[in-house]
Protein backbone atom coordinates (compact mmCIF):
# COMPACT_ATOMS: atom_id res chain seq x y z
CA UNK A 1 28.38 -12.53 -13.14
CA UNK A 2 28.13 -15.40 -15.52
CA UNK A 3 29.17 -12.82 -18.04
CA UNK A 4 32.07 -13.71 -20.24
CA UNK A 5 32.72 -16.48 -22.71
CA UNK A 6 36.07 -15.10 -23.81
CA UNK A 7 38.66 -12.59 -22.57
CA UNK A 8 39.10 -9.32 -24.40
CA UNK A 9 42.31 -7.34 -24.57
CA UNK A 10 42.66 -4.08 -22.65
CA UNK A 11 42.52 -1.95 -25.80
CA UNK A 12 38.97 -2.98 -26.68
CA UNK A 13 37.53 -2.58 -23.21
CA UNK A 14 38.00 1.19 -23.34
CA UNK A 15 36.69 1.65 -26.86
CA UNK A 16 33.68 3.71 -27.89
CA UNK A 17 31.20 1.10 -26.67
CA UNK A 18 32.88 1.05 -23.26
CA UNK A 19 32.59 4.84 -23.03
CA UNK A 20 28.91 4.57 -23.99
CA UNK A 21 28.27 2.07 -21.20
CA UNK A 22 29.99 4.37 -18.68
CA UNK A 23 27.97 7.40 -19.80
CA UNK A 24 24.75 5.39 -19.75
CA UNK A 25 25.49 4.17 -16.21
CA UNK A 26 26.22 7.65 -14.87
CA UNK A 27 23.29 9.39 -16.57
CA UNK A 28 20.72 6.72 -15.69
CA UNK A 29 21.93 6.59 -12.08
CA UNK A 30 21.51 10.35 -11.70
CA UNK A 31 18.04 10.23 -13.26
CA UNK A 32 17.05 7.35 -10.99
CA UNK A 33 18.32 9.14 -7.88
CA UNK A 34 16.33 12.20 -8.92
CA UNK A 35 13.14 10.15 -9.21
CA UNK A 36 13.73 8.52 -5.83
CA UNK A 37 14.42 11.90 -4.22
CA UNK A 38 11.17 13.27 -5.69
CA UNK A 39 9.15 10.36 -4.30
CA UNK A 40 10.82 10.67 -0.91
CA UNK A 41 9.97 14.36 -0.77
CA UNK A 42 6.32 13.51 -1.54
CA UNK A 43 6.24 10.42 0.70
CA UNK A 44 3.38 11.76 2.86
CA UNK A 45 0.96 11.81 -0.08
CA UNK A 46 -1.73 9.10 0.28
CA UNK A 47 -0.91 7.53 -3.09
CA UNK A 48 2.70 6.99 -1.93
CA UNK A 49 2.13 6.13 1.72
CA UNK A 50 0.19 3.04 0.72
CA UNK A 51 2.96 1.77 -1.58
CA UNK A 52 5.60 1.13 1.07
CA UNK A 53 8.43 3.21 -0.37
CA UNK A 54 11.21 1.88 1.95
CA UNK A 55 10.86 -1.64 0.50
CA UNK A 56 10.70 -0.30 -3.05
CA UNK A 57 13.79 1.84 -2.51
CA UNK A 58 15.69 -1.06 -0.95
CA UNK A 59 14.86 -3.28 -3.92
CA UNK A 60 15.81 -0.62 -6.47
CA UNK A 61 19.12 0.13 -4.74
CA UNK A 62 20.24 -3.52 -4.68
CA UNK A 63 19.08 -4.18 -8.23
CA UNK A 64 20.73 -1.00 -9.47
CA UNK A 65 24.04 -1.98 -7.88
CA UNK A 66 23.87 -5.20 -9.85
CA UNK A 67 22.83 -3.24 -12.96
CA UNK A 68 25.90 -0.98 -12.61
CA UNK A 69 28.17 -3.99 -12.22
CA UNK A 70 26.69 -5.55 -15.35
CA UNK A 71 26.70 -2.42 -17.51
CA UNK A 72 30.38 -1.75 -16.76
CA UNK A 73 31.27 -5.43 -17.02
CA UNK A 74 32.23 -4.89 -20.64
CA UNK A 75 35.15 -2.80 -19.36
CA UNK A 76 36.47 -4.61 -16.30
CA UNK A 77 35.08 -8.11 -16.92
CA UNK A 78 38.30 -9.41 -18.48
CA UNK A 79 40.17 -8.76 -15.25
CA UNK A 80 37.62 -9.82 -12.61
CA UNK A 81 37.84 -13.20 -10.93
CA UNK A 82 34.79 -15.48 -11.41
CA UNK A 83 34.47 -15.81 -7.62
CA UNK A 84 33.79 -12.07 -7.27
CA UNK A 85 31.27 -12.18 -10.08
CA UNK A 86 29.62 -15.14 -8.36
CA UNK A 87 29.12 -13.22 -5.11
CA UNK A 88 27.83 -10.12 -6.91
CA UNK A 89 25.25 -12.14 -8.79
CA UNK A 90 24.47 -14.39 -5.81
CA UNK A 91 23.71 -11.50 -3.43
CA UNK A 92 22.64 -8.29 -5.15
CA UNK A 93 20.29 -9.79 -7.72
CA UNK A 94 18.27 -12.24 -5.55
CA UNK A 95 18.20 -9.87 -2.59
CA UNK A 96 16.87 -7.08 -4.79
CA UNK A 97 14.24 -9.34 -6.34
CA UNK A 98 13.16 -10.48 -2.85
CA UNK A 99 12.65 -6.92 -1.63
CA UNK A 100 10.86 -6.03 -4.84
CA UNK A 101 8.51 -8.99 -4.33
CA UNK A 102 7.79 -7.83 -0.77
CA UNK A 103 7.02 -4.33 -2.03
CA UNK A 104 4.91 -5.30 -5.03
CA UNK A 105 2.91 -7.99 -3.21
CA UNK A 106 1.33 -5.18 -1.19
CA UNK A 107 -0.85 -4.56 -4.26
CA UNK A 108 -2.76 -7.79 -3.79
CA UNK A 109 -2.85 -7.48 -0.01
CA UNK A 110 -4.15 -3.91 -0.02
CA UNK A 111 -6.71 -4.73 -2.71
CA UNK A 112 -8.04 -7.68 -0.71
CA UNK A 113 -8.13 -5.80 2.59
CA UNK A 114 -9.82 -2.76 1.08
CA UNK A 115 -12.76 -4.95 0.07
CA UNK A 116 -13.77 -4.97 3.74
CA UNK A 117 -14.87 -1.37 3.40
CA UNK A 118 -17.60 -2.21 0.90
CA UNK A 119 -19.15 -4.84 3.17
CA UNK A 120 -21.40 -4.21 6.11
CA UNK A 121 -18.80 -5.53 8.54
CA UNK A 122 -15.10 -4.85 8.69
CA UNK A 123 -13.99 -7.96 10.49
CA UNK A 124 -11.07 -9.93 9.16
CA UNK A 125 -12.07 -13.60 9.43
CA UNK A 126 -8.46 -14.70 9.49
CA UNK A 127 -7.69 -12.95 12.78
CA UNK A 128 -7.81 -14.93 15.99
CA UNK A 129 -8.33 -13.83 19.56
CA UNK A 130 -5.14 -13.65 21.55
CA UNK A 131 -4.44 -16.62 23.81
CA UNK A 132 -2.76 -16.95 27.18
CA UNK A 133 0.35 -18.55 25.72
CA UNK A 134 1.30 -17.56 22.20
CA UNK A 135 3.27 -19.81 19.93
CA UNK A 136 5.78 -18.44 17.47
CA UNK A 137 3.15 -18.70 14.73
CA UNK A 138 0.62 -16.81 16.85
CA UNK A 139 3.11 -14.00 17.36
CA UNK A 140 3.78 -13.96 13.63
CA UNK A 141 0.06 -13.62 12.87
CA UNK A 142 -0.26 -10.58 15.12
CA UNK A 143 2.33 -8.65 13.09
CA UNK A 144 1.25 -6.15 10.47
CA UNK A 145 1.54 -7.16 6.84
CA UNK A 146 4.72 -5.23 6.08
CA UNK A 147 6.52 -6.78 9.05
CA UNK A 148 5.28 -10.25 8.10
CA UNK A 149 6.47 -9.87 4.53
CA UNK A 150 9.78 -8.44 5.66
CA UNK A 151 10.26 -11.40 8.00
CA UNK A 152 9.61 -13.82 5.13
CA UNK A 153 11.92 -11.92 2.83
CA UNK A 154 14.71 -11.85 5.41
CA UNK A 155 14.30 -15.59 5.88
CA UNK A 156 14.56 -16.06 2.12
CA UNK A 157 17.63 -13.82 2.00
CA UNK A 158 19.27 -15.83 4.78
CA UNK A 159 18.57 -19.05 2.87
CA UNK A 160 19.96 -17.56 -0.34
CA UNK A 161 23.08 -16.40 1.51
CA UNK A 162 23.56 -19.87 2.96
CA UNK A 163 23.01 -21.46 -0.45
CA UNK A 164 25.49 -19.11 -2.11
CA UNK A 165 28.10 -19.75 0.57
CA UNK A 166 27.53 -23.51 0.36
CA UNK A 167 27.94 -23.64 -3.42
CA UNK A 168 30.97 -21.40 -3.27
CA UNK A 169 32.62 -23.71 -0.74
CA UNK A 170 31.84 -26.99 -2.50
CA UNK A 171 32.68 -25.90 -6.06
CA UNK A 172 36.32 -26.04 -7.12
CA UNK A 173 35.65 -23.66 -9.98
CA UNK A 174 36.40 -20.79 -7.66
CA UNK A 175 39.20 -22.36 -5.56
CA UNK A 176 41.05 -25.44 -6.86
CA UNK A 177 42.52 -26.15 -3.44
CA UNK A 178 39.32 -27.47 -1.82
CA UNK A 179 35.78 -28.50 -2.70
CA UNK A 180 33.91 -31.49 -4.10
CA UNK A 181 35.95 -33.52 -6.61
CA UNK A 182 34.52 -33.34 -10.12
CA UNK A 183 33.68 -29.64 -10.01
CA UNK A 184 37.10 -28.54 -11.29
CA UNK A 185 37.71 -26.69 -14.55
CA UNK A 186 40.69 -27.41 -16.81
CA UNK A 187 42.58 -25.82 -19.67
CA UNK A 188 44.36 -22.54 -20.15
CA UNK A 189 43.56 -19.64 -17.79
CA UNK A 190 41.23 -18.17 -20.40
CA UNK A 191 39.39 -21.48 -20.83
CA UNK A 192 39.11 -21.92 -17.07
CA UNK A 193 37.55 -18.48 -16.72
CA UNK A 194 35.10 -19.16 -19.54
CA UNK A 195 34.06 -22.45 -17.90
CA UNK A 196 33.85 -20.97 -14.39
CA UNK A 197 31.18 -18.45 -15.34
CA UNK A 198 28.79 -21.22 -16.40
CA UNK A 199 27.24 -24.09 -14.52
CA UNK A 200 24.72 -25.09 -11.90
CA UNK A 201 26.31 -22.87 -9.26
CA UNK A 202 24.88 -19.79 -10.97
CA UNK A 203 21.32 -20.98 -11.47
CA UNK A 204 19.88 -20.27 -7.97
CA UNK A 205 20.89 -16.60 -8.37
CA UNK A 206 18.51 -16.12 -11.30
CA UNK A 207 15.89 -18.56 -10.03
CA UNK A 208 14.16 -15.88 -7.95
CA UNK A 209 13.93 -13.48 -10.89
CA UNK A 210 12.46 -16.19 -13.10
CA UNK A 211 10.13 -17.36 -10.32
CA UNK A 212 8.73 -13.87 -9.78
CA UNK A 213 8.30 -13.00 -13.47
CA UNK A 214 6.83 -16.32 -14.59
CA UNK A 215 4.84 -17.44 -11.52
CA UNK A 216 4.37 -14.86 -8.75
CA UNK A 217 3.50 -11.81 -10.87
CA UNK A 218 1.01 -13.69 -13.11
CA UNK A 219 -0.60 -15.13 -9.97
CA UNK A 220 -0.95 -11.64 -8.45
CA UNK A 221 -2.46 -10.33 -11.68
CA UNK A 222 -4.87 -13.25 -11.90
CA UNK A 223 -5.98 -12.72 -8.30
CA UNK A 224 -6.49 -9.01 -9.01
CA UNK A 225 -8.01 -9.55 -12.45
CA UNK A 226 -11.18 -7.64 -11.54
CA UNK A 227 -9.36 -4.65 -10.09
CA UNK A 228 -8.36 -1.56 -12.05
CA UNK A 229 -6.88 0.85 -9.53
CA UNK A 230 -6.33 4.55 -10.09
CA UNK A 231 -2.83 4.50 -8.56
CA UNK A 232 -1.01 2.76 -11.42
CA UNK A 233 -0.24 -0.27 -9.25
CA UNK A 234 -1.76 -2.82 -11.63
CA UNK A 235 0.01 -1.21 -14.59
CA UNK A 236 3.27 -1.38 -12.65
CA UNK A 237 2.83 -5.07 -11.92
CA UNK A 238 1.98 -5.87 -15.54
CA UNK A 239 4.93 -3.85 -16.82
CA UNK A 240 7.43 -5.42 -14.41
CA UNK A 241 6.11 -8.90 -15.18
CA UNK A 242 6.38 -8.49 -18.96
CA UNK A 243 9.78 -6.80 -18.64
CA UNK A 244 11.14 -9.75 -16.67
CA UNK A 245 9.92 -12.62 -18.84
CA UNK A 246 12.88 -12.58 -21.21
CA UNK A 247 15.67 -12.10 -18.66
CA UNK A 248 16.53 -15.61 -17.44
CA UNK A 249 15.81 -17.41 -20.75
CA UNK A 250 17.99 -14.99 -22.73
CA UNK A 251 20.76 -15.19 -20.11
CA UNK A 252 20.79 -18.98 -20.51
CA UNK A 253 20.71 -18.72 -24.30
CA UNK A 254 23.62 -16.28 -24.30
CA UNK A 255 25.67 -18.57 -22.06
CA UNK A 256 25.01 -21.94 -23.68
CA UNK A 257 24.29 -21.26 -27.37
CA UNK A 258 27.61 -21.02 -29.29
CA UNK A 259 26.09 -18.81 -31.97
CA UNK A 260 25.66 -16.06 -29.36
CA UNK A 261 29.45 -15.67 -28.98
CA UNK A 262 29.54 -12.84 -31.53
CA UNK A 263 26.84 -10.93 -29.61
CA UNK A 264 28.50 -11.60 -26.24
CA UNK A 265 31.59 -9.72 -27.34
CA UNK A 266 29.62 -6.45 -27.21
CA UNK A 267 26.57 -7.31 -25.11
CA UNK A 268 27.54 -9.65 -22.26
CA UNK A 269 24.96 -12.28 -21.13
CA UNK A 270 23.82 -10.65 -17.84
CA UNK A 271 22.94 -7.48 -19.74
CA UNK A 272 19.75 -9.28 -20.76
CA UNK A 273 18.90 -9.25 -17.04
CA UNK A 274 20.02 -5.60 -16.89
CA UNK A 275 17.38 -4.69 -19.50
CA UNK A 276 14.74 -6.19 -17.22
CA UNK A 277 16.12 -4.30 -14.21
CA UNK A 278 16.09 -0.99 -16.07
CA UNK A 279 12.45 -1.46 -17.09
CA UNK A 280 11.59 -2.54 -13.56
CA UNK A 281 13.13 0.69 -12.25
CA UNK A 282 11.05 2.70 -14.71
CA UNK A 283 7.80 1.09 -13.58
CA UNK A 284 8.71 1.14 -9.88
CA UNK A 285 10.05 4.70 -9.64
CA UNK A 286 8.95 6.76 -12.61
CA UNK A 287 5.42 5.43 -12.97
CA UNK A 288 4.64 6.59 -9.38
CA UNK A 289 6.34 9.90 -10.22
CA UNK A 290 3.97 10.28 -13.17
CA UNK A 291 1.00 9.38 -10.96
CA UNK A 292 2.04 12.02 -8.42
CA UNK A 293 2.34 14.68 -11.12
CA UNK A 294 -1.03 13.67 -12.56
CA UNK A 295 -2.58 13.79 -9.10
CA UNK A 296 -1.13 17.23 -8.41
CA UNK A 297 -2.56 18.50 -11.69
CA UNK A 298 -6.00 17.09 -10.87
CA UNK A 299 -5.81 18.50 -7.35
CA UNK A 300 -4.92 21.94 -8.69
CA UNK A 301 -7.85 21.70 -11.08
CA UNK A 302 -10.09 20.92 -8.12
CA UNK A 303 -8.83 23.87 -6.10
CA UNK A 304 -9.24 26.21 -9.06
CA UNK A 305 -12.76 24.93 -9.63
CA UNK A 306 -13.62 25.58 -6.00
CA UNK A 307 -12.12 29.08 -6.19
CA UNK A 308 -14.11 29.87 -9.36
CA UNK A 309 -17.33 28.64 -7.81
CA UNK A 310 -16.76 30.62 -4.61
CA UNK A 311 -16.08 33.77 -6.63
CA UNK A 312 -19.25 33.26 -8.66
CA UNK A 313 -21.25 32.45 -5.54
CA UNK A 314 -20.07 35.63 -3.78
CA UNK A 315 -20.93 37.74 -6.80
CA UNK A 316 -24.44 36.28 -6.89
CA UNK A 317 -24.02 34.60 -10.28
CA UNK A 318 -24.62 31.09 -9.01
CA UNK A 319 -27.68 29.52 -7.53
CA UNK A 320 -27.57 27.36 -4.46
CA UNK A 321 -30.00 24.52 -4.97
CA UNK A 322 -29.15 20.89 -4.62
CA UNK A 323 -30.90 18.48 -6.92
CA UNK A 324 -31.76 15.43 -4.85
CA UNK A 325 -31.95 13.23 -7.89
CA UNK A 326 -28.22 13.56 -8.36
CA UNK A 327 -25.27 12.64 -6.22
CA UNK A 328 -23.76 16.11 -6.07
CA UNK A 329 -24.71 19.74 -5.65
CA UNK A 330 -26.07 21.44 -8.74
CA UNK A 331 -26.04 25.23 -9.06
CA UNK A 332 -27.91 26.99 -11.80
CA UNK A 333 -30.34 24.88 -13.81
CA UNK A 334 -30.52 21.42 -12.17
CA UNK A 335 -30.62 18.27 -14.20
CA UNK A 336 -32.07 14.96 -13.09
CA UNK A 337 -29.71 12.00 -13.15
CA UNK A 338 -29.83 8.46 -11.95
CA UNK A 339 -28.45 7.74 -8.50
CA UNK A 340 -24.73 7.42 -8.46
CA UNK A 341 -24.10 9.36 -11.67
CA UNK A 342 -22.23 12.60 -12.09
CA UNK A 343 -23.64 15.31 -14.35
CA UNK A 344 -20.72 16.41 -16.50
CA UNK A 345 -22.33 19.74 -17.36
CA UNK A 346 -21.78 21.16 -13.89
CA UNK A 347 -18.04 21.64 -14.21
CA UNK A 348 -17.71 24.45 -11.66
CA UNK A 349 -19.89 22.99 -8.90
CA UNK A 350 -19.30 19.26 -8.96
CA UNK A 351 -15.86 19.54 -7.33
CA UNK A 352 -16.99 21.53 -4.30
CA UNK A 353 -17.24 20.45 -0.67
CA UNK A 354 -21.04 20.82 -0.81
CA UNK A 355 -21.15 18.31 -3.66
CA UNK A 356 -19.05 15.83 -1.71
CA UNK A 357 -21.11 16.25 1.46
CA UNK A 358 -24.33 15.80 -0.53
CA UNK A 359 -23.01 12.54 -1.96
CA UNK A 360 -21.94 11.30 1.48
CA UNK A 361 -25.39 12.13 2.84
CA UNK A 362 -27.60 10.89 0.00
CA UNK A 363 -25.80 8.11 -1.86
CA UNK A 364 -22.34 7.25 -0.53
CA UNK A 365 -22.20 3.66 -1.78
CA UNK A 366 -20.74 4.36 -5.27
CA UNK A 367 -18.09 6.63 -3.78
CA UNK A 368 -17.32 4.02 -1.09
CA UNK A 369 -16.86 1.32 -3.73
CA UNK A 370 -14.68 3.53 -5.91
CA UNK A 371 -12.46 4.57 -3.01
CA UNK A 372 -12.01 0.98 -1.82
CA UNK A 373 -11.65 -0.87 -5.13
CA UNK A 374 -9.88 1.72 -7.27
CA UNK A 375 -8.29 4.37 -5.06
CA UNK A 376 -7.45 2.02 -2.13
CA UNK A 377 -8.60 4.71 0.31
CA UNK A 378 -11.83 3.13 1.49
CA UNK A 379 -10.96 3.85 5.13
CA UNK A 380 -11.53 7.58 4.57
CA UNK A 381 -15.10 7.21 3.31
CA UNK A 382 -15.85 4.51 5.89
CA UNK A 383 -14.60 6.81 8.66
CA UNK A 384 -16.78 9.71 7.49
CA UNK A 385 -19.82 7.46 7.31
CA UNK A 386 -19.21 5.94 10.74
CA UNK A 387 -18.80 9.38 12.31
CA UNK A 388 -21.99 10.60 10.63
CA UNK A 389 -23.90 7.53 11.85
CA UNK A 390 -22.50 8.02 15.36
CA UNK A 391 -23.60 11.66 15.45
CA UNK A 392 -27.07 10.84 14.16
CA UNK A 393 -27.52 7.96 16.58
CA UNK A 394 -26.57 9.79 19.75
CA UNK A 395 -26.94 13.47 19.01
CA UNK A 396 -29.58 13.67 16.32
CA UNK A 397 -29.39 15.08 12.83
CA UNK A 398 -28.11 18.59 12.18
CA UNK A 399 -26.68 18.93 15.64
CA UNK A 400 -29.92 18.33 17.58
CA UNK A 401 -28.90 16.85 20.95
CA UNK A 402 -30.57 13.67 22.06
CA UNK A 403 -28.90 13.53 25.44
CA UNK A 404 -26.95 15.55 27.93
CA UNK A 405 -23.81 14.47 29.72
CA UNK A 406 -24.70 16.48 32.80
CA UNK A 407 -27.89 16.85 34.74
CA UNK A 408 -29.93 20.02 35.00
CA UNK A 409 -28.74 22.73 37.38
CA UNK A 410 -25.46 20.97 38.05
CA UNK A 411 -27.12 17.79 39.33
CA UNK A 412 -25.56 14.43 38.45
CA UNK A 413 -26.83 12.90 35.23
CA UNK A 414 -29.65 10.40 35.39
CA UNK A 415 -28.89 6.67 34.99
CA UNK A 416 -30.39 6.74 31.50
CA UNK A 417 -28.21 9.65 30.43
CA UNK A 418 -25.17 7.95 31.96
CA UNK A 419 -25.84 4.77 29.98
CA UNK A 420 -26.36 6.74 26.76
CA UNK A 421 -23.15 8.67 27.34
CA UNK A 422 -21.21 5.47 27.93
CA UNK A 423 -22.72 3.89 24.85
CA UNK A 424 -21.75 6.97 22.86
CA UNK A 425 -18.20 6.80 24.18
CA UNK A 426 -17.98 3.09 23.41
CA UNK A 427 -19.04 3.58 19.80
CA UNK A 428 -16.64 6.52 19.48
CA UNK A 429 -13.92 4.31 20.93
CA UNK A 430 -14.66 1.73 18.25
CA UNK A 431 -14.26 4.40 15.59
CA UNK A 432 -10.94 5.43 17.11
CA UNK A 433 -9.69 1.83 17.21
CA UNK A 434 -10.86 0.98 13.68
CA UNK A 435 -9.53 4.05 11.91
CA UNK A 436 -7.15 6.12 14.05
CA UNK A 437 -5.26 3.98 16.58
CA UNK A 438 -1.72 3.15 15.51
CA UNK A 439 -2.07 -0.23 17.24
CA UNK A 440 -5.56 -1.21 16.14
CA UNK A 441 -6.28 0.27 12.71
CA UNK A 442 -5.31 -1.82 9.70
CA UNK A 443 -5.51 1.29 7.50
CA UNK A 444 -5.01 4.47 9.51
CA UNK A 445 -6.61 7.63 8.22
CA UNK A 446 -4.11 10.37 7.51
CA UNK A 447 -4.45 12.95 10.29
CA UNK A 448 -2.21 15.81 11.30
CA UNK A 449 -0.15 15.37 14.42
CA UNK A 450 -2.28 17.78 16.55
CA UNK A 451 -5.54 16.04 15.55
CA UNK A 452 -4.06 12.61 16.22
CA UNK A 453 -2.68 13.62 19.63
CA UNK A 454 -6.01 15.17 20.58
CA UNK A 455 -7.94 11.97 19.87
CA UNK A 456 -5.24 9.76 21.37
CA UNK A 457 -5.42 11.80 24.57
CA UNK A 458 -9.14 11.04 24.84
CA UNK A 459 -9.31 7.43 23.65
CA UNK A 460 -5.89 5.76 23.85
CA UNK A 461 -6.07 4.98 27.58
CA UNK A 462 -9.50 3.39 27.18
CA UNK A 463 -8.31 1.50 24.10
CA UNK A 464 -5.42 0.01 26.06
CA UNK A 465 -7.79 -1.05 28.84
CA UNK A 466 -10.14 -2.73 26.38
CA UNK A 467 -7.29 -4.38 24.49
CA UNK A 468 -5.18 -5.18 27.49
CA UNK A 469 -1.74 -3.68 27.96
CA UNK A 470 0.05 -7.00 27.95
CA UNK A 471 -1.26 -8.42 24.69
CA UNK A 472 -1.32 -7.27 21.10
CA UNK A 473 -4.94 -6.51 20.22
CA UNK A 474 -6.91 -8.51 17.75
CA UNK A 475 -8.62 -6.07 15.34
CA UNK A 476 -11.24 -8.72 14.58
CA UNK A 477 -12.54 -8.72 18.17
CA UNK A 478 -11.20 -5.57 19.82
CA UNK A 479 -13.93 -5.42 22.46
CA UNK A 480 -13.62 -9.01 23.59
CA UNK A 481 -12.24 -9.45 27.06
CA UNK A 482 -8.60 -10.62 26.76
CA UNK A 483 -8.14 -14.13 28.08
CA UNK A 484 -5.38 -13.05 30.42
CA UNK A 485 -7.97 -10.94 32.27
CA UNK A 486 -10.54 -13.70 32.60
CA UNK A 487 -10.63 -14.95 36.14
CA UNK A 488 -9.13 -11.79 37.57
CA UNK A 489 -10.98 -9.25 39.68
CA UNK A 490 -13.59 -7.77 37.38
CA UNK A 491 -15.70 -5.93 39.92
CA UNK A 492 -18.01 -3.26 38.61
CA UNK A 493 -16.36 -0.60 40.72
CA UNK A 494 -12.89 -1.09 39.21
CA UNK A 495 -12.44 1.74 36.69
CA UNK A 496 -9.51 -0.10 35.05
CA UNK A 497 -11.52 -3.18 34.06
CA UNK A 498 -12.85 -4.20 30.68
CA UNK A 499 -15.92 -6.37 31.05
CA UNK A 500 -18.67 -8.23 29.30
CA UNK A 501 -17.17 -10.18 26.38
CA UNK A 502 -20.65 -10.98 25.21
CA UNK A 503 -21.84 -12.03 21.77
CA UNK A 504 -21.88 -9.47 18.95
CA UNK A 505 -24.37 -6.71 19.34
CA UNK A 506 -27.70 -6.70 17.51
CA UNK A 507 -30.57 -4.25 17.16
CA UNK A 508 -32.49 -6.05 19.87
CA UNK A 509 -29.62 -6.01 22.36
CA UNK A 510 -30.03 -3.50 25.17
CA UNK A 511 -27.63 -0.55 25.32
CA UNK A 512 -26.39 -1.67 28.72
CA UNK A 513 -25.30 -5.04 27.34
CA UNK A 514 -23.17 -3.32 24.74
CA UNK A 515 -21.12 -1.30 27.20
CA UNK A 516 -17.77 -2.94 27.76
CA UNK A 517 -15.80 -0.07 29.25
CA UNK A 518 -16.44 1.05 32.80
CA UNK A 519 -13.56 3.45 33.19
CA UNK A 520 -13.95 7.17 33.58
CA UNK A 521 -15.00 9.07 30.48
CA UNK A 522 -12.63 11.99 29.78
CA UNK A 523 -14.08 15.45 30.19
CA UNK A 524 -12.90 16.34 26.68
CA UNK A 525 -15.29 13.82 25.15
CA UNK A 526 -18.36 15.37 23.54
CA UNK A 527 -20.28 15.30 20.28
CA UNK A 528 -17.62 17.43 18.56
CA UNK A 529 -14.70 15.16 19.44
CA UNK A 530 -14.26 14.06 15.79
CA UNK A 531 -15.02 17.49 14.29
CA UNK A 532 -11.44 18.45 13.36
CA UNK A 533 -10.57 14.94 12.13
CA UNK A 534 -13.77 14.78 10.09
CA UNK A 535 -13.09 18.07 8.34
CA UNK A 536 -9.48 17.09 7.71
CA UNK A 537 -10.50 13.80 6.06
CA UNK A 538 -13.24 15.49 4.07
CA UNK A 539 -10.71 17.92 2.65
CA UNK A 540 -8.36 15.03 1.92
CA UNK A 541 -11.12 13.18 0.07
CA UNK A 542 -12.15 16.36 -1.76
CA UNK A 543 -8.65 16.93 -3.12
CA UNK A 544 -7.65 13.29 -3.68
CA UNK A 545 -10.42 10.73 -4.19
CA UNK A 546 -13.32 12.95 -5.19
CA UNK A 547 -11.82 14.40 -8.41
CA UNK A 548 -10.89 10.88 -9.58
CA UNK A 549 -14.38 9.66 -8.78
CA UNK A 550 -15.99 12.55 -10.67
CA UNK A 551 -13.75 11.93 -13.66
CA UNK A 552 -14.51 8.21 -13.63
CA UNK A 553 -18.25 8.80 -13.37
CA UNK A 554 -18.15 11.29 -16.23
CA UNK A 555 -16.36 8.74 -18.38
CA UNK A 556 -18.94 6.08 -17.50
CA UNK A 557 -21.86 8.43 -18.18
CA UNK A 558 -20.33 9.42 -21.52
CA UNK A 559 -19.92 5.76 -22.41
CA UNK A 560 -23.50 5.00 -21.37
CA UNK A 561 -24.73 7.89 -23.49
CA UNK A 562 -22.70 6.66 -26.45
CA UNK A 563 -24.01 3.10 -26.09
CA UNK A 564 -27.58 4.32 -25.66
CA UNK A 565 -27.25 6.57 -28.69
CA UNK A 566 -25.85 3.74 -30.78
CA UNK A 567 -28.64 1.42 -29.71
CA UNK A 568 -31.25 4.03 -30.57
CA UNK A 569 -29.71 4.55 -33.99
């Protein structure tokens, strides 16, 4: 492990310091496993689903194996061959750093992709329509981000493995019998061991740690300099970056500065890297644990507030008016507030479903921006808004029907009604593809299995027809006719045909020109098709994003009041 500069006798390796290192290793490992088990048990929570726990766990496991080897190196290091140390440091450390990079880089990716939800369109300009013959790069581009990053990481791991094997073979430090001449070490066995744990062969193993801490992490933070998320992701990246800055430099100092020999007797050189790993584990595992506990406390506060308000409302102690000048429901004496603000005096009413629905109806933009830029859950608000717009467009406000899917007295529907119904189904299909489909949605909303299966039963067949069963869909242009279908039989009577890959729709475009699906519309499709999913997402927003938004707005209003008061004074 590049650890030792001298060999200690067996009596000192089991002294009090050695016992301390053993106890520290056991206790910290148990604490770490407890934190990981807690996160795994809560893995379905939105704040954890977006983090990509499998990659984080993989990184922590590999890095912790190296940490254990380093922490107990004080005890067994005098007896371990340098070749074994070389493989431990050449595999566990860089592999763990690679997986950690793949996990942590999701912060920047998610932050960038969530910005789409605060724009009028949600089209990713980097996507390309699928072609008849896909190159290897085209196939790579169609993969989701996690798979892409995992593919890159695995490629980097394979290169590191090859590099480690190559250096092990060519260096005679580890096997005097073969290798490149000039790489041998001479002297007594103790001197040979001391020389074997230093040199260029060890540098690539710590290169990745240094590269991430000094280049990658600062770049991620610079790119996300305007973002301050409510999930602790930015804090985690800053903490891991700062914790890793000292590791490689101090490891090199401990190895090559003679004055460090006295310290190395009790604190071996790779333990400087172990300090970084321990801090990284704290920020990667226990910071999310703290965020989960904080979220649960805020959620419980929300539920209690709702229960108190309902009890007061049933007893007739609360009014029921909604002040339109505010962004939430106000019971009792209403207070005017500027659009987008949250009146902190209404503690018992501001966290109710009515308050959330009023905000979504009257002024959803601030909540949309908060959910996308800070909570990284912009898909939930965007879904609720799209469903509301769809209902208003085709069925009128407050449930007033604009059209009927069947004619009067059992007669077939008129051509106009048929076109409207198809247009309604097409727009609903777009909502399904953008937010619900496991193959089309970049950020899937979190639905229960029954709700998901219900919607998939209505829309999935049509989605596969529109996308094409033989090609991976392009979320940027999901309703474009796949090129492999162009030139085939696209007769209007074929119910399995997707047609009309026309230019993007506009307000002036006729409804008929927008219809790109001519298959049969399922009987289950009606204006209430999204009802269960809508209520489920509203409740999710109410107990997750909404309390954070209210708290943030209260803090901003308090700050504005303080600044205004200071200016007046």
